Amino acid sequence: MTIHFGTDGWRAIIGEEYTFSNVAKVLQAFCDLQEAAQGRSIIVGYDRRFQSRAFAEQAARVLLGNGFKVELAHQFAPTPCVSWMTKQRQALAGVVITASHNPFQWNGVKFKEDYGGSASPEFTSQVEAQLQRNEGSGPRPRELSLEEGEQRGLLTYFDPQGAYVRQLEKLIDIGKIRRAKLKIVADPIYGAGGGFFQKLLGKQVVEIRGEENPAFGGVNPEPIEKNLAPAIAAVRKFRAHIGLATDGDADRIGAVDEKGRFVDSHHIFALILRHLVTVKKWKGTVVQTVSTTRMIQRLTEKFGLELIETPIGFKYICQAFRKTHPLMGGEESGGIGIAKHIYERDGILCGLFLLEILATYRKPFSKIIAELQKEVGPLVFRREDLHWPLEKIRLVKERLAAGSLPETPGFRLRSKNFLDGFKFNFTDDSWLLIRPSGTEPLLRVYAEAPSDRKLTSLLRAARSFLQSLG
């Protein structure tokens, strides 16, 4: 069995590959690599999935058994809370037991490095390599009980709704939001964001799907339109100004306007960027992944800010943050990070920034979005996930790498970008990205264009090209 770290940690199905034994092996491999740092602290948190607390306690026992101090969340904790605690406490690393937005059958392990950001590919590759060495001849995981860890002063507990919430209050004008008397629907989708907006804003917030439900009510805990019917209904029922949704570990954000219409991550990214620059007067480099909207490019050009594009995965945004003077970064999947906070996504903070925007402009959310669209110009985005056999995906990669192009009548090619997948930029600011999965029988096709008609044409061209190969 090979444990592999993907774009955001190791994930596997509970009871199959994801077992207490394998979690212990992963943590032992980490400890072996950090042997010289024994005695330093590790922050450990967990989401609300089945047995997440028990898996976190298993991780803590291995860390304690290898001579590390452990600060363990006393209840479920958002991933950005663990990231911030890692940075604030000057810990060696953070460990989060979560599978983020995956289906309920899954769980996982995320590592956070000492600066509070996603573990680099180099970091996780070293853990994988150590796992392989340990499988051959390495020691069995060393453990120390939690009780003995407490007695020795090695184990302490922290409140996820304590210092982290106070940190959020330093970045946001909570008073302004309260004075605006906004009615807010919060939908954590049974995830780790439960209770946080209420903690900050009290009776202004109506929370739905906030109780513990390890099956997530039968949906994936991902804040995308198809999963937010309850939030949309609640916004309409309570005549709320906005609905805010977070994913399973609360590092991603989705939103609903006062009319009950879904607001995607591209618009959220653009709205927060504009707010940080024009209202809060913050500056810095902006980082986005290759699948992110052209709106960000247009805004950074308008504001005179540097824009860096990275492969897909927030770990790449995090690495770009470390090499520049960053303002913020974001990705198409709903992960948006504010560098002044942590080099990591934070769905709760981004939701608070949306509330601050509403409180600042004192206009309906839908009108603020319409004004943004008028400012940046018309753009329509869509992503399609196509299930294809792996052998055909290999052929697609070979043909595109060799120079084959989808036929796109009515579009003039301006440039190509093969940073992560195969992206074609056109002169009217349309773009098309074909991104084969390296491990799954899946092709993701992303496109953005100035109109629905042009968007449909681009996606049709992509499908025709792919079908011609198979």
Protein backbone atom coordinates (compact mmCIF):
# COMPACT_ATOMS: atom_id res chain seq x y z
CA MET A 1 0.00 0.00 0.00
CA THR A 2 1.28 3.46 -0.95
CA ILE A 3 0.11 6.57 0.89
CA HIS A 4 0.11 9.48 -1.52
CA PHE A 5 -0.31 13.19 -0.76
CA GLY A 6 -2.41 15.06 -3.33
CA THR A 7 -2.88 18.77 -3.92
CA ASP A 8 -3.98 19.30 -0.31
CA GLY A 9 -2.85 16.49 1.94
CA TRP A 10 -3.50 12.77 2.19
CA ARG A 11 -7.10 11.60 1.85
CA ALA A 12 -8.56 8.11 1.86
CA ILE A 13 -11.75 6.20 2.65
CA ILE A 14 -12.33 5.56 6.36
CA GLY A 15 -11.88 1.92 7.28
CA GLU A 16 -10.11 1.07 4.05
CA GLU A 17 -6.84 2.96 3.61
CA TYR A 18 -7.72 5.55 6.25
CA THR A 19 -7.15 3.68 9.52
CA PHE A 20 -5.71 4.46 12.93
CA SER A 21 -2.67 2.41 11.98
CA ASN A 22 -2.03 4.38 8.79
CA VAL A 23 -2.58 7.74 10.49
CA ALA A 24 0.03 6.67 13.03
CA LYS A 25 2.42 5.71 10.22
CA VAL A 26 2.00 9.10 8.53
CA LEU A 27 2.69 10.94 11.79
CA GLN A 28 5.68 8.72 12.56
CA ALA A 29 7.16 9.50 9.14
CA PHE A 30 6.71 13.21 9.87
CA CYS A 31 8.37 12.79 13.28
CA ASP A 32 11.32 10.91 11.80
CA LEU A 33 11.96 13.84 9.46
CA GLN A 34 11.75 16.34 12.33
CA GLU A 35 13.82 14.43 14.86
CA ALA A 36 16.20 17.36 15.37
CA ALA A 37 13.25 19.56 16.42
CA GLN A 38 12.05 17.38 19.31
CA GLY A 39 10.62 19.45 22.13
CA ARG A 40 8.92 21.99 19.87
CA SER A 41 5.14 22.34 19.71
CA ILE A 42 2.75 20.93 17.13
CA ILE A 43 -0.82 22.27 16.77
CA VAL A 44 -3.41 19.54 16.16
CA GLY A 45 -6.99 20.16 15.03
CA TYR A 46 -9.81 18.21 13.43
CA ASP A 47 -13.11 18.66 11.60
CA ARG A 48 -16.53 17.11 12.34
CA ARG A 49 -16.21 13.95 10.27
CA PHE A 50 -16.77 10.47 11.67
CA GLN A 51 -14.10 9.74 14.30
CA SER A 52 -12.06 12.86 13.45
CA ARG A 53 -11.43 13.60 17.12
CA ALA A 54 -10.27 10.03 17.71
CA PHE A 55 -7.92 10.23 14.71
CA ALA A 56 -6.58 13.55 16.02
CA GLU A 57 -5.92 11.94 19.39
CA GLN A 58 -4.06 9.14 17.59
CA ALA A 59 -1.92 11.76 15.84
CA ALA A 60 -1.28 13.45 19.18
CA ARG A 61 -0.17 10.17 20.81
CA VAL A 62 2.43 9.60 18.09
CA LEU A 63 3.71 13.19 18.33
CA LEU A 64 3.96 12.90 22.12
CA GLY A 65 5.68 9.53 21.82
CA ASN A 66 8.36 11.15 19.67
CA GLY A 67 9.12 13.92 22.15
CA PHE A 68 7.04 16.78 20.75
CA LYS A 69 4.75 19.08 22.69
CA VAL A 70 1.17 19.06 21.44
CA GLU A 71 -1.56 21.70 21.56
CA LEU A 72 -4.78 19.85 20.74
CA ALA A 73 -8.10 21.51 19.93
CA HIS A 74 -10.66 20.71 22.63
CA GLN A 75 -13.41 20.70 19.98
CA PHE A 76 -13.66 20.74 16.18
CA ALA A 77 -11.54 23.47 14.59
CA PRO A 78 -11.53 25.13 11.16
CA THR A 79 -8.34 24.45 9.22
CA PRO A 80 -7.51 28.20 9.08
CA CYS A 81 -7.72 28.28 12.87
CA VAL A 82 -5.03 25.58 13.07
CA SER A 83 -2.97 27.42 10.44
CA TRP A 84 -3.17 30.68 12.37
CA MET A 85 -2.40 28.98 15.69
CA THR A 86 0.67 27.36 14.10
CA LYS A 87 1.97 30.76 13.04
CA GLN A 88 0.92 32.66 16.16
CA ARG A 89 2.35 30.09 18.58
CA GLN A 90 5.57 29.76 16.54
CA ALA A 91 4.94 26.03 16.41
CA LEU A 92 6.99 23.63 14.32
CA ALA A 93 3.93 22.58 12.31
CA GLY A 94 0.19 22.09 12.31
CA VAL A 95 -1.72 18.86 11.72
CA VAL A 96 -5.38 18.82 10.70
CA ILE A 97 -7.55 15.73 10.51
CA THR A 98 -9.91 16.53 7.64
CA ALA A 99 -10.90 15.56 4.12
CA SER A 100 -12.12 19.10 3.40
CA HIS A 101 -15.05 18.93 0.93
CA ASN A 102 -14.77 15.22 0.09
CA PRO A 103 -17.77 12.88 0.62
CA PHE A 104 -18.47 11.73 4.17
CA GLN A 105 -16.79 8.34 3.69
CA TRP A 106 -13.40 10.07 3.47
CA ASN A 107 -10.98 11.55 5.96
CA GLY A 108 -7.45 12.84 5.68
CA VAL A 109 -4.39 14.56 7.09
CA LYS A 110 -3.21 18.07 6.21
CA PHE A 111 0.15 19.40 7.33
CA LYS A 112 0.78 23.12 7.88
CA GLU A 113 4.32 24.45 7.97
CA ASP A 114 5.61 26.86 10.63
CA TYR A 115 4.49 29.97 8.72
CA GLY A 116 0.88 28.70 8.86
CA GLY A 117 0.57 27.82 5.19
CA SER A 118 -0.06 24.67 3.22
CA ALA A 119 2.80 22.19 3.23
CA SER A 120 4.97 22.53 0.14
CA PRO A 121 5.22 19.72 -2.43
CA GLU A 122 8.80 19.17 -1.23
CA PHE A 123 7.58 18.73 2.35
CA THR A 124 4.92 16.15 1.49
CA SER A 125 7.26 14.32 -0.91
CA GLN A 126 9.71 13.89 1.96
CA VAL A 127 6.92 12.46 4.15
CA GLU A 128 5.97 10.01 1.38
CA ALA A 129 9.59 8.92 0.95
CA GLN A 130 10.00 8.41 4.71
CA LEU A 131 6.82 6.34 4.77
CA GLN A 132 8.34 4.05 2.15
CA ARG A 133 11.56 3.72 4.14
CA ASN A 134 9.61 2.91 7.29
CA GLU A 135 7.52 0.28 5.48
CA GLY A 136 10.70 -1.57 4.66
CA SER A 137 12.65 -1.48 7.90
CA GLY A 138 11.55 1.47 9.94
CA PRO A 139 10.33 1.43 13.55
CA ARG A 140 6.74 0.96 14.59
CA PRO A 141 5.08 4.25 15.55
CA ARG A 142 6.07 5.39 19.02
CA GLU A 143 3.19 6.54 21.19
CA LEU A 144 2.57 8.18 24.55
CA SER A 145 -0.89 8.26 26.12
CA LEU A 146 -2.71 11.58 26.33
CA GLU A 147 -3.00 11.20 30.09
CA GLU A 148 0.75 10.78 30.51
CA GLY A 149 1.36 13.61 28.05
CA GLU A 150 -0.73 15.93 30.23
CA GLN A 151 1.01 14.78 33.40
CA ARG A 152 4.42 15.52 31.86
CA GLY A 153 3.29 18.95 30.68
CA LEU A 154 3.68 17.98 27.03
CA LEU A 155 -0.04 18.10 26.11
CA THR A 156 -2.29 21.14 26.42
CA TYR A 157 -5.65 22.00 24.88
CA PHE A 158 -6.80 25.15 23.09
CA ASP A 159 -10.17 26.71 22.34
CA PRO A 160 -10.72 27.15 18.57
CA GLN A 161 -13.21 29.94 19.29
CA GLY A 162 -10.76 31.86 21.46
CA ALA A 163 -7.64 33.59 20.15
CA TYR A 164 -8.51 32.82 16.51
CA VAL A 165 -11.83 34.67 16.77
CA ARG A 166 -10.08 37.63 18.40
CA GLN A 167 -7.64 37.65 15.47
CA LEU A 168 -10.55 37.89 13.00
CA GLU A 169 -11.94 40.85 14.95
CA LYS A 170 -8.64 42.69 14.44
CA LEU A 171 -8.94 42.41 10.65
CA ILE A 172 -12.64 43.22 10.31
CA ASP A 173 -14.71 46.19 11.46
CA ILE A 174 -17.19 44.12 13.45
CA GLY A 175 -18.78 47.28 14.85
CA LYS A 176 -19.63 48.50 11.36
CA ILE A 177 -21.24 45.16 10.52
CA ARG A 178 -23.30 45.23 13.71
CA ARG A 179 -24.41 48.82 13.10
CA ALA A 180 -25.57 47.89 9.59
CA LYS A 181 -28.05 45.46 11.22
CA LEU A 182 -27.56 42.88 8.52
CA LYS A 183 -29.57 39.69 8.60
CA ILE A 184 -27.20 36.85 7.73
CA VAL A 185 -27.77 33.19 6.93
CA ALA A 186 -24.74 31.04 7.79
CA ASP A 187 -24.52 27.54 6.35
CA PRO A 188 -21.48 25.53 7.50
CA ILE A 189 -22.93 22.40 5.80
CA TYR A 190 -22.45 20.51 9.11
CA GLY A 191 -18.72 21.33 8.93
CA ALA A 192 -16.09 22.94 11.12
CA GLY A 193 -17.38 26.47 10.45
CA GLY A 194 -20.39 25.79 12.67
CA GLY A 195 -21.00 28.49 15.28
CA PHE A 196 -18.28 30.93 14.24
CA PHE A 197 -20.41 33.61 12.55
CA GLN A 198 -22.83 33.42 15.48
CA LYS A 199 -19.93 33.76 17.93
CA LEU A 200 -18.90 36.99 16.20
CA LEU A 201 -22.30 38.49 15.36
CA GLY A 202 -24.85 36.86 17.64
CA LYS A 203 -28.52 37.30 16.77
CA GLN A 204 -27.76 38.86 13.39
CA VAL A 205 -27.00 35.33 12.21
CA VAL A 206 -29.44 32.54 11.41
CA GLU A 207 -27.40 29.34 11.21
CA ILE A 208 -28.64 26.31 9.30
CA ARG A 209 -27.00 22.89 9.07
CA GLY A 210 -24.87 23.83 12.05
CA GLU A 211 -25.35 20.70 14.14
CA GLU A 212 -23.06 17.69 14.05
CA ASN A 213 -23.88 15.31 11.19
CA PRO A 214 -20.90 13.22 10.01
CA ALA A 215 -22.86 12.23 6.86
CA PHE A 216 -23.28 15.94 5.96
CA GLY A 217 -26.96 15.39 5.23
CA GLY A 218 -26.12 13.35 2.14
CA VAL A 219 -24.24 16.08 0.25
CA ASN A 220 -20.55 16.78 -0.15
CA PRO A 221 -19.65 19.66 2.20
CA GLU A 222 -18.60 21.92 -0.66
CA PRO A 223 -20.10 25.45 -0.99
CA ILE A 224 -21.12 25.19 -4.64
CA GLU A 225 -24.53 25.98 -6.07
CA LYS A 226 -25.91 22.42 -6.26
CA ASN A 227 -25.23 21.91 -2.52
CA LEU A 228 -26.71 25.18 -1.27
CA ALA A 229 -30.46 24.75 -1.82
CA PRO A 230 -31.09 24.98 1.96
CA ALA A 231 -29.08 28.22 2.19
CA ILE A 232 -30.90 29.70 -0.80
CA ALA A 233 -34.27 28.77 0.74
CA ALA A 234 -33.25 30.22 4.12
CA VAL A 235 -32.14 33.54 2.59
CA ARG A 236 -35.55 33.87 0.96
CA LYS A 237 -37.47 32.68 4.02
CA PHE A 238 -35.76 35.05 6.46
CA ARG A 239 -35.35 37.87 3.92
CA ALA A 240 -31.66 37.90 4.68
CA HIS A 241 -29.19 40.34 3.14
CA ILE A 242 -26.73 37.53 2.38
CA GLY A 243 -26.06 33.84 2.80
CA LEU A 244 -22.56 32.56 3.62
CA ALA A 245 -21.49 28.93 3.24
CA THR A 246 -18.23 27.23 4.19
CA ASP A 247 -16.90 23.79 3.32
CA GLY A 248 -16.15 20.85 5.60
CA ASP A 249 -13.07 22.40 7.21
CA ALA A 250 -14.13 26.04 6.65
CA ASP A 251 -11.26 27.12 4.42
CA ARG A 252 -13.50 27.72 1.38
CA ILE A 253 -16.37 30.15 0.90
CA GLY A 254 -19.55 30.37 -1.15
CA ALA A 255 -22.30 32.99 -1.00
CA VAL A 256 -25.93 33.73 -1.85
CA ASP A 257 -27.28 37.20 -2.62
CA GLU A 258 -30.46 38.66 -1.12
CA LYS A 259 -32.50 37.33 -4.05
CA GLY A 260 -31.37 33.78 -3.39
CA ARG A 261 -28.90 33.62 -6.26
CA PHE A 262 -25.60 31.81 -5.90
CA VAL A 263 -22.44 33.97 -5.97
CA ASP A 264 -19.40 32.08 -7.21
CA SER A 265 -15.83 32.21 -5.93
CA HIS A 266 -14.64 34.37 -8.84
CA HIS A 267 -16.94 37.22 -7.86
CA ILE A 268 -16.10 36.79 -4.17
CA PHE A 269 -12.37 37.01 -4.96
CA ALA A 270 -12.89 40.12 -7.09
CA LEU A 271 -15.17 41.83 -4.56
CA ILE A 272 -12.73 41.29 -1.69
CA LEU A 273 -9.76 42.42 -3.80
CA ARG A 274 -11.52 45.64 -4.77
CA HIS A 275 -12.54 46.24 -1.15
CA LEU A 276 -9.06 45.69 0.28
CA VAL A 277 -7.51 48.12 -2.20
CA THR A 278 -10.14 50.87 -2.43
CA VAL A 279 -11.58 50.89 1.10
CA LYS A 280 -8.94 49.42 3.41
CA LYS A 281 -6.06 50.84 1.30
CA TRP A 282 -4.05 47.63 1.45
CA LYS A 283 -1.49 46.92 -1.26
CA GLY A 284 0.61 44.01 -2.47
CA THR A 285 0.98 41.28 -5.05
CA VAL A 286 -2.08 39.27 -6.03
CA VAL A 287 -1.76 35.55 -6.77
CA GLN A 288 -4.23 33.39 -8.66
CA THR A 289 -4.29 29.90 -10.16
CA VAL A 290 -4.52 29.30 -13.91
CA SER A 291 -8.23 28.45 -13.68
CA THR A 292 -9.27 31.75 -12.09
CA THR A 293 -11.34 34.51 -13.68
CA ARG A 294 -9.98 37.27 -15.89
CA MET A 295 -11.70 39.75 -13.53
CA ILE A 296 -8.67 39.59 -11.26
CA GLN A 297 -6.30 40.53 -14.07
CA ARG A 298 -8.48 43.49 -15.01
CA LEU A 299 -8.64 44.73 -11.43
CA THR A 300 -4.91 44.36 -10.78
CA GLU A 301 -4.17 46.27 -13.99
CA LYS A 302 -6.55 49.02 -12.89
CA PHE A 303 -4.98 49.23 -9.41
CA GLY A 304 -1.39 48.90 -10.62
CA LEU A 305 -0.75 45.68 -8.72
CA GLU A 306 1.47 42.77 -9.72
CA LEU A 307 -0.40 39.56 -10.61
CA ILE A 308 1.22 36.12 -10.40
CA GLU A 309 -0.38 32.99 -11.89
CA THR A 310 0.33 29.55 -10.42
CA PRO A 311 -0.64 25.92 -10.97
CA ILE A 312 -3.88 24.79 -9.34
CA GLY A 313 -3.63 24.14 -5.61
CA PHE A 314 -3.34 26.66 -2.80
CA LYS A 315 0.07 25.28 -1.84
CA TYR A 316 1.40 26.96 -4.99
CA ILE A 317 -0.24 30.26 -4.04
CA CYS A 318 1.34 29.90 -0.61
CA GLN A 319 4.80 29.42 -2.13
CA ALA A 320 4.29 32.52 -4.29
CA PHE A 321 3.27 34.46 -1.17
CA ARG A 322 6.60 33.58 0.43
CA LYS A 323 8.58 35.01 -2.48
CA THR A 324 6.90 38.40 -2.72
CA HIS A 325 5.02 41.09 -0.76
CA PRO A 326 1.54 39.59 -1.05
CA LEU A 327 -1.91 41.07 -0.65
CA MET A 328 -4.15 38.07 -1.33
CA GLY A 329 -4.53 34.97 -3.44
CA GLY A 330 -7.34 32.78 -4.66
CA GLU A 331 -8.42 29.80 -6.68
CA GLU A 332 -11.49 28.78 -8.65
CA SER A 333 -12.55 26.20 -6.08
CA GLY A 334 -13.42 28.84 -3.48
CA GLY A 335 -10.18 29.04 -1.51
CA ILE A 336 -9.16 32.66 -0.89
CA GLY A 337 -6.35 33.75 1.42
CA ILE A 338 -5.54 37.17 2.88
CA ALA A 339 -1.78 37.45 3.38
CA LYS A 340 -1.98 39.89 6.32
CA HIS A 341 -3.78 37.10 8.21
CA ILE A 342 -2.09 33.82 7.19
CA TYR A 343 -0.63 32.36 4.02
CA GLU A 344 -3.67 30.12 3.79
CA ARG A 345 -7.33 30.08 2.79
CA ASP A 346 -9.92 31.18 5.33
CA GLY A 347 -13.59 30.85 4.46
CA ILE A 348 -14.76 32.48 7.69
CA LEU A 349 -12.58 35.57 7.22
CA CYS A 350 -13.68 35.89 3.59
CA GLY A 351 -17.30 35.70 4.68
CA LEU A 352 -16.65 38.49 7.18
CA PHE A 353 -15.09 40.62 4.45
CA LEU A 354 -18.27 40.19 2.37
CA LEU A 355 -20.27 41.40 5.37
CA GLU A 356 -17.93 44.38 5.76
CA ILE A 357 -18.48 45.17 2.07
CA LEU A 358 -22.27 45.15 2.57
CA ALA A 359 -21.93 47.32 5.68
CA THR A 360 -19.66 49.77 3.82
CA TYR A 361 -21.75 50.27 0.69
CA ARG A 362 -25.19 49.94 2.33
CA LYS A 363 -26.56 48.49 -0.91
CA PRO A 364 -28.13 45.12 -1.77
CA PHE A 365 -25.55 42.44 -2.44
CA SER A 366 -26.92 41.91 -5.96
CA LYS A 367 -26.41 45.60 -6.77
CA ILE A 368 -22.81 45.55 -5.50
CA ILE A 369 -22.13 42.56 -7.75
CA ALA A 370 -23.76 44.30 -10.72
CA GLU A 371 -21.56 47.36 -10.15
CA LEU A 372 -18.46 45.13 -10.05
CA GLN A 373 -19.49 43.49 -13.33
CA LYS A 374 -19.96 46.89 -14.93
CA GLU A 375 -16.51 47.94 -13.69
CA VAL A 376 -14.62 44.89 -14.98
CA GLY A 377 -16.72 44.18 -18.07
CA PRO A 378 -18.84 41.16 -18.95
CA LEU A 379 -17.36 37.73 -18.26
CA VAL A 380 -19.05 34.33 -18.00
CA PHE A 381 -17.28 31.28 -16.54
CA ARG A 382 -18.05 27.56 -16.57
CA ARG A 383 -16.27 24.34 -15.65
CA GLU A 384 -17.15 20.90 -16.96
CA ASP A 385 -15.84 17.62 -15.53
CA LEU A 386 -15.66 14.91 -18.19
CA HIS A 387 -15.10 11.27 -17.22
CA TRP A 388 -12.68 9.65 -19.67
CA PRO A 389 -10.60 6.46 -19.66
CA LEU A 390 -7.03 7.01 -18.51
CA GLU A 391 -5.57 5.76 -21.81
CA LYS A 392 -7.57 8.40 -23.72
CA ILE A 393 -6.45 11.06 -21.26
CA ARG A 394 -2.84 10.13 -21.98
CA LEU A 395 -3.56 10.58 -25.71
CA VAL A 396 -5.12 14.01 -25.07
CA LYS A 397 -2.01 15.11 -23.15
CA GLU A 398 0.28 13.85 -25.91
CA ARG A 399 -1.65 15.60 -28.68
CA LEU A 400 -1.95 18.90 -26.85
CA ALA A 401 1.70 18.85 -25.82
CA ALA A 402 2.66 18.16 -29.45
CA GLY A 403 0.83 21.28 -30.61
CA SER A 404 -2.66 20.08 -31.52
CA LEU A 405 -5.29 22.76 -30.93
CA PRO A 406 -9.06 22.71 -30.57
CA GLU A 407 -10.69 24.40 -33.57
CA THR A 408 -12.20 27.62 -32.24
CA PRO A 409 -13.94 29.51 -35.07
CA GLY A 410 -14.41 33.18 -34.25
CA PHE A 411 -11.55 33.25 -31.75
CA ARG A 412 -7.98 34.43 -32.40
CA LEU A 413 -5.31 32.77 -30.30
CA ARG A 414 -3.16 35.24 -28.35
CA SER A 415 -1.03 32.91 -26.24
CA LYS A 416 -0.70 29.45 -24.72
CA ASN A 417 0.02 28.57 -21.10
CA PHE A 418 0.95 25.00 -20.20
CA LEU A 419 1.80 25.73 -16.55
CA ASP A 420 -0.88 23.31 -15.33
CA GLY A 421 -2.88 21.69 -18.10
CA PHE A 422 -3.31 23.32 -21.50
CA LYS A 423 -4.62 26.90 -21.45
CA PHE A 424 -5.40 28.89 -24.58
CA ASN A 425 -5.82 32.68 -24.28
CA PHE A 426 -7.71 34.53 -27.01
CA THR A 427 -7.58 38.16 -28.11
CA ASP A 428 -11.06 39.01 -26.76
CA ASP A 429 -9.96 37.92 -23.24
CA SER A 430 -11.71 34.57 -23.60
CA TRP A 431 -9.74 31.55 -22.47
CA LEU A 432 -10.01 27.77 -22.48
CA LEU A 433 -8.19 25.38 -20.14
CA ILE A 434 -8.10 21.60 -20.63
CA ARG A 435 -6.64 19.95 -17.55
CA PRO A 436 -6.29 16.17 -17.46
CA SER A 437 -6.12 14.49 -14.08
CA GLY A 438 -2.91 12.60 -13.49
CA THR A 439 -4.53 9.98 -11.25
CA GLU A 440 -8.26 9.81 -12.09
CA PRO A 441 -10.19 9.10 -15.32
CA LEU A 442 -11.20 12.75 -15.43
CA LEU A 443 -10.73 15.74 -17.70
CA ARG A 444 -11.59 19.19 -16.40
CA VAL A 445 -12.48 21.82 -18.97
CA TYR A 446 -12.58 25.46 -17.84
CA ALA A 447 -13.64 28.39 -19.99
CA GLU A 448 -14.44 32.09 -19.66
CA ALA A 449 -15.76 34.48 -22.29
CA PRO A 450 -17.49 37.87 -22.61
CA SER A 451 -20.89 36.28 -23.35
CA ASP A 452 -22.87 33.07 -22.91
CA ARG A 453 -22.80 32.55 -26.68
CA LYS A 454 -19.02 32.70 -26.85
CA LEU A 455 -18.66 30.55 -23.75
CA THR A 456 -20.90 27.87 -25.24
CA SER A 457 -18.89 28.01 -28.46
CA LEU A 458 -15.59 27.49 -26.60
CA LEU A 459 -16.89 24.55 -24.60
CA ARG A 460 -18.40 22.98 -27.72
CA ALA A 461 -15.03 23.32 -29.47
CA ALA A 462 -13.28 21.63 -26.54
CA ARG A 463 -15.74 18.71 -26.50
CA SER A 464 -15.47 18.26 -30.28
CA PHE A 465 -11.67 18.22 -30.07
CA LEU A 466 -11.66 15.66 -27.28
CA GLN A 467 -14.21 13.42 -29.01
CA SER A 468 -12.14 13.50 -32.21
CA LEU A 469 -9.34 11.78 -30.31
CA GLY A 470 -11.36 8.92 -29.06
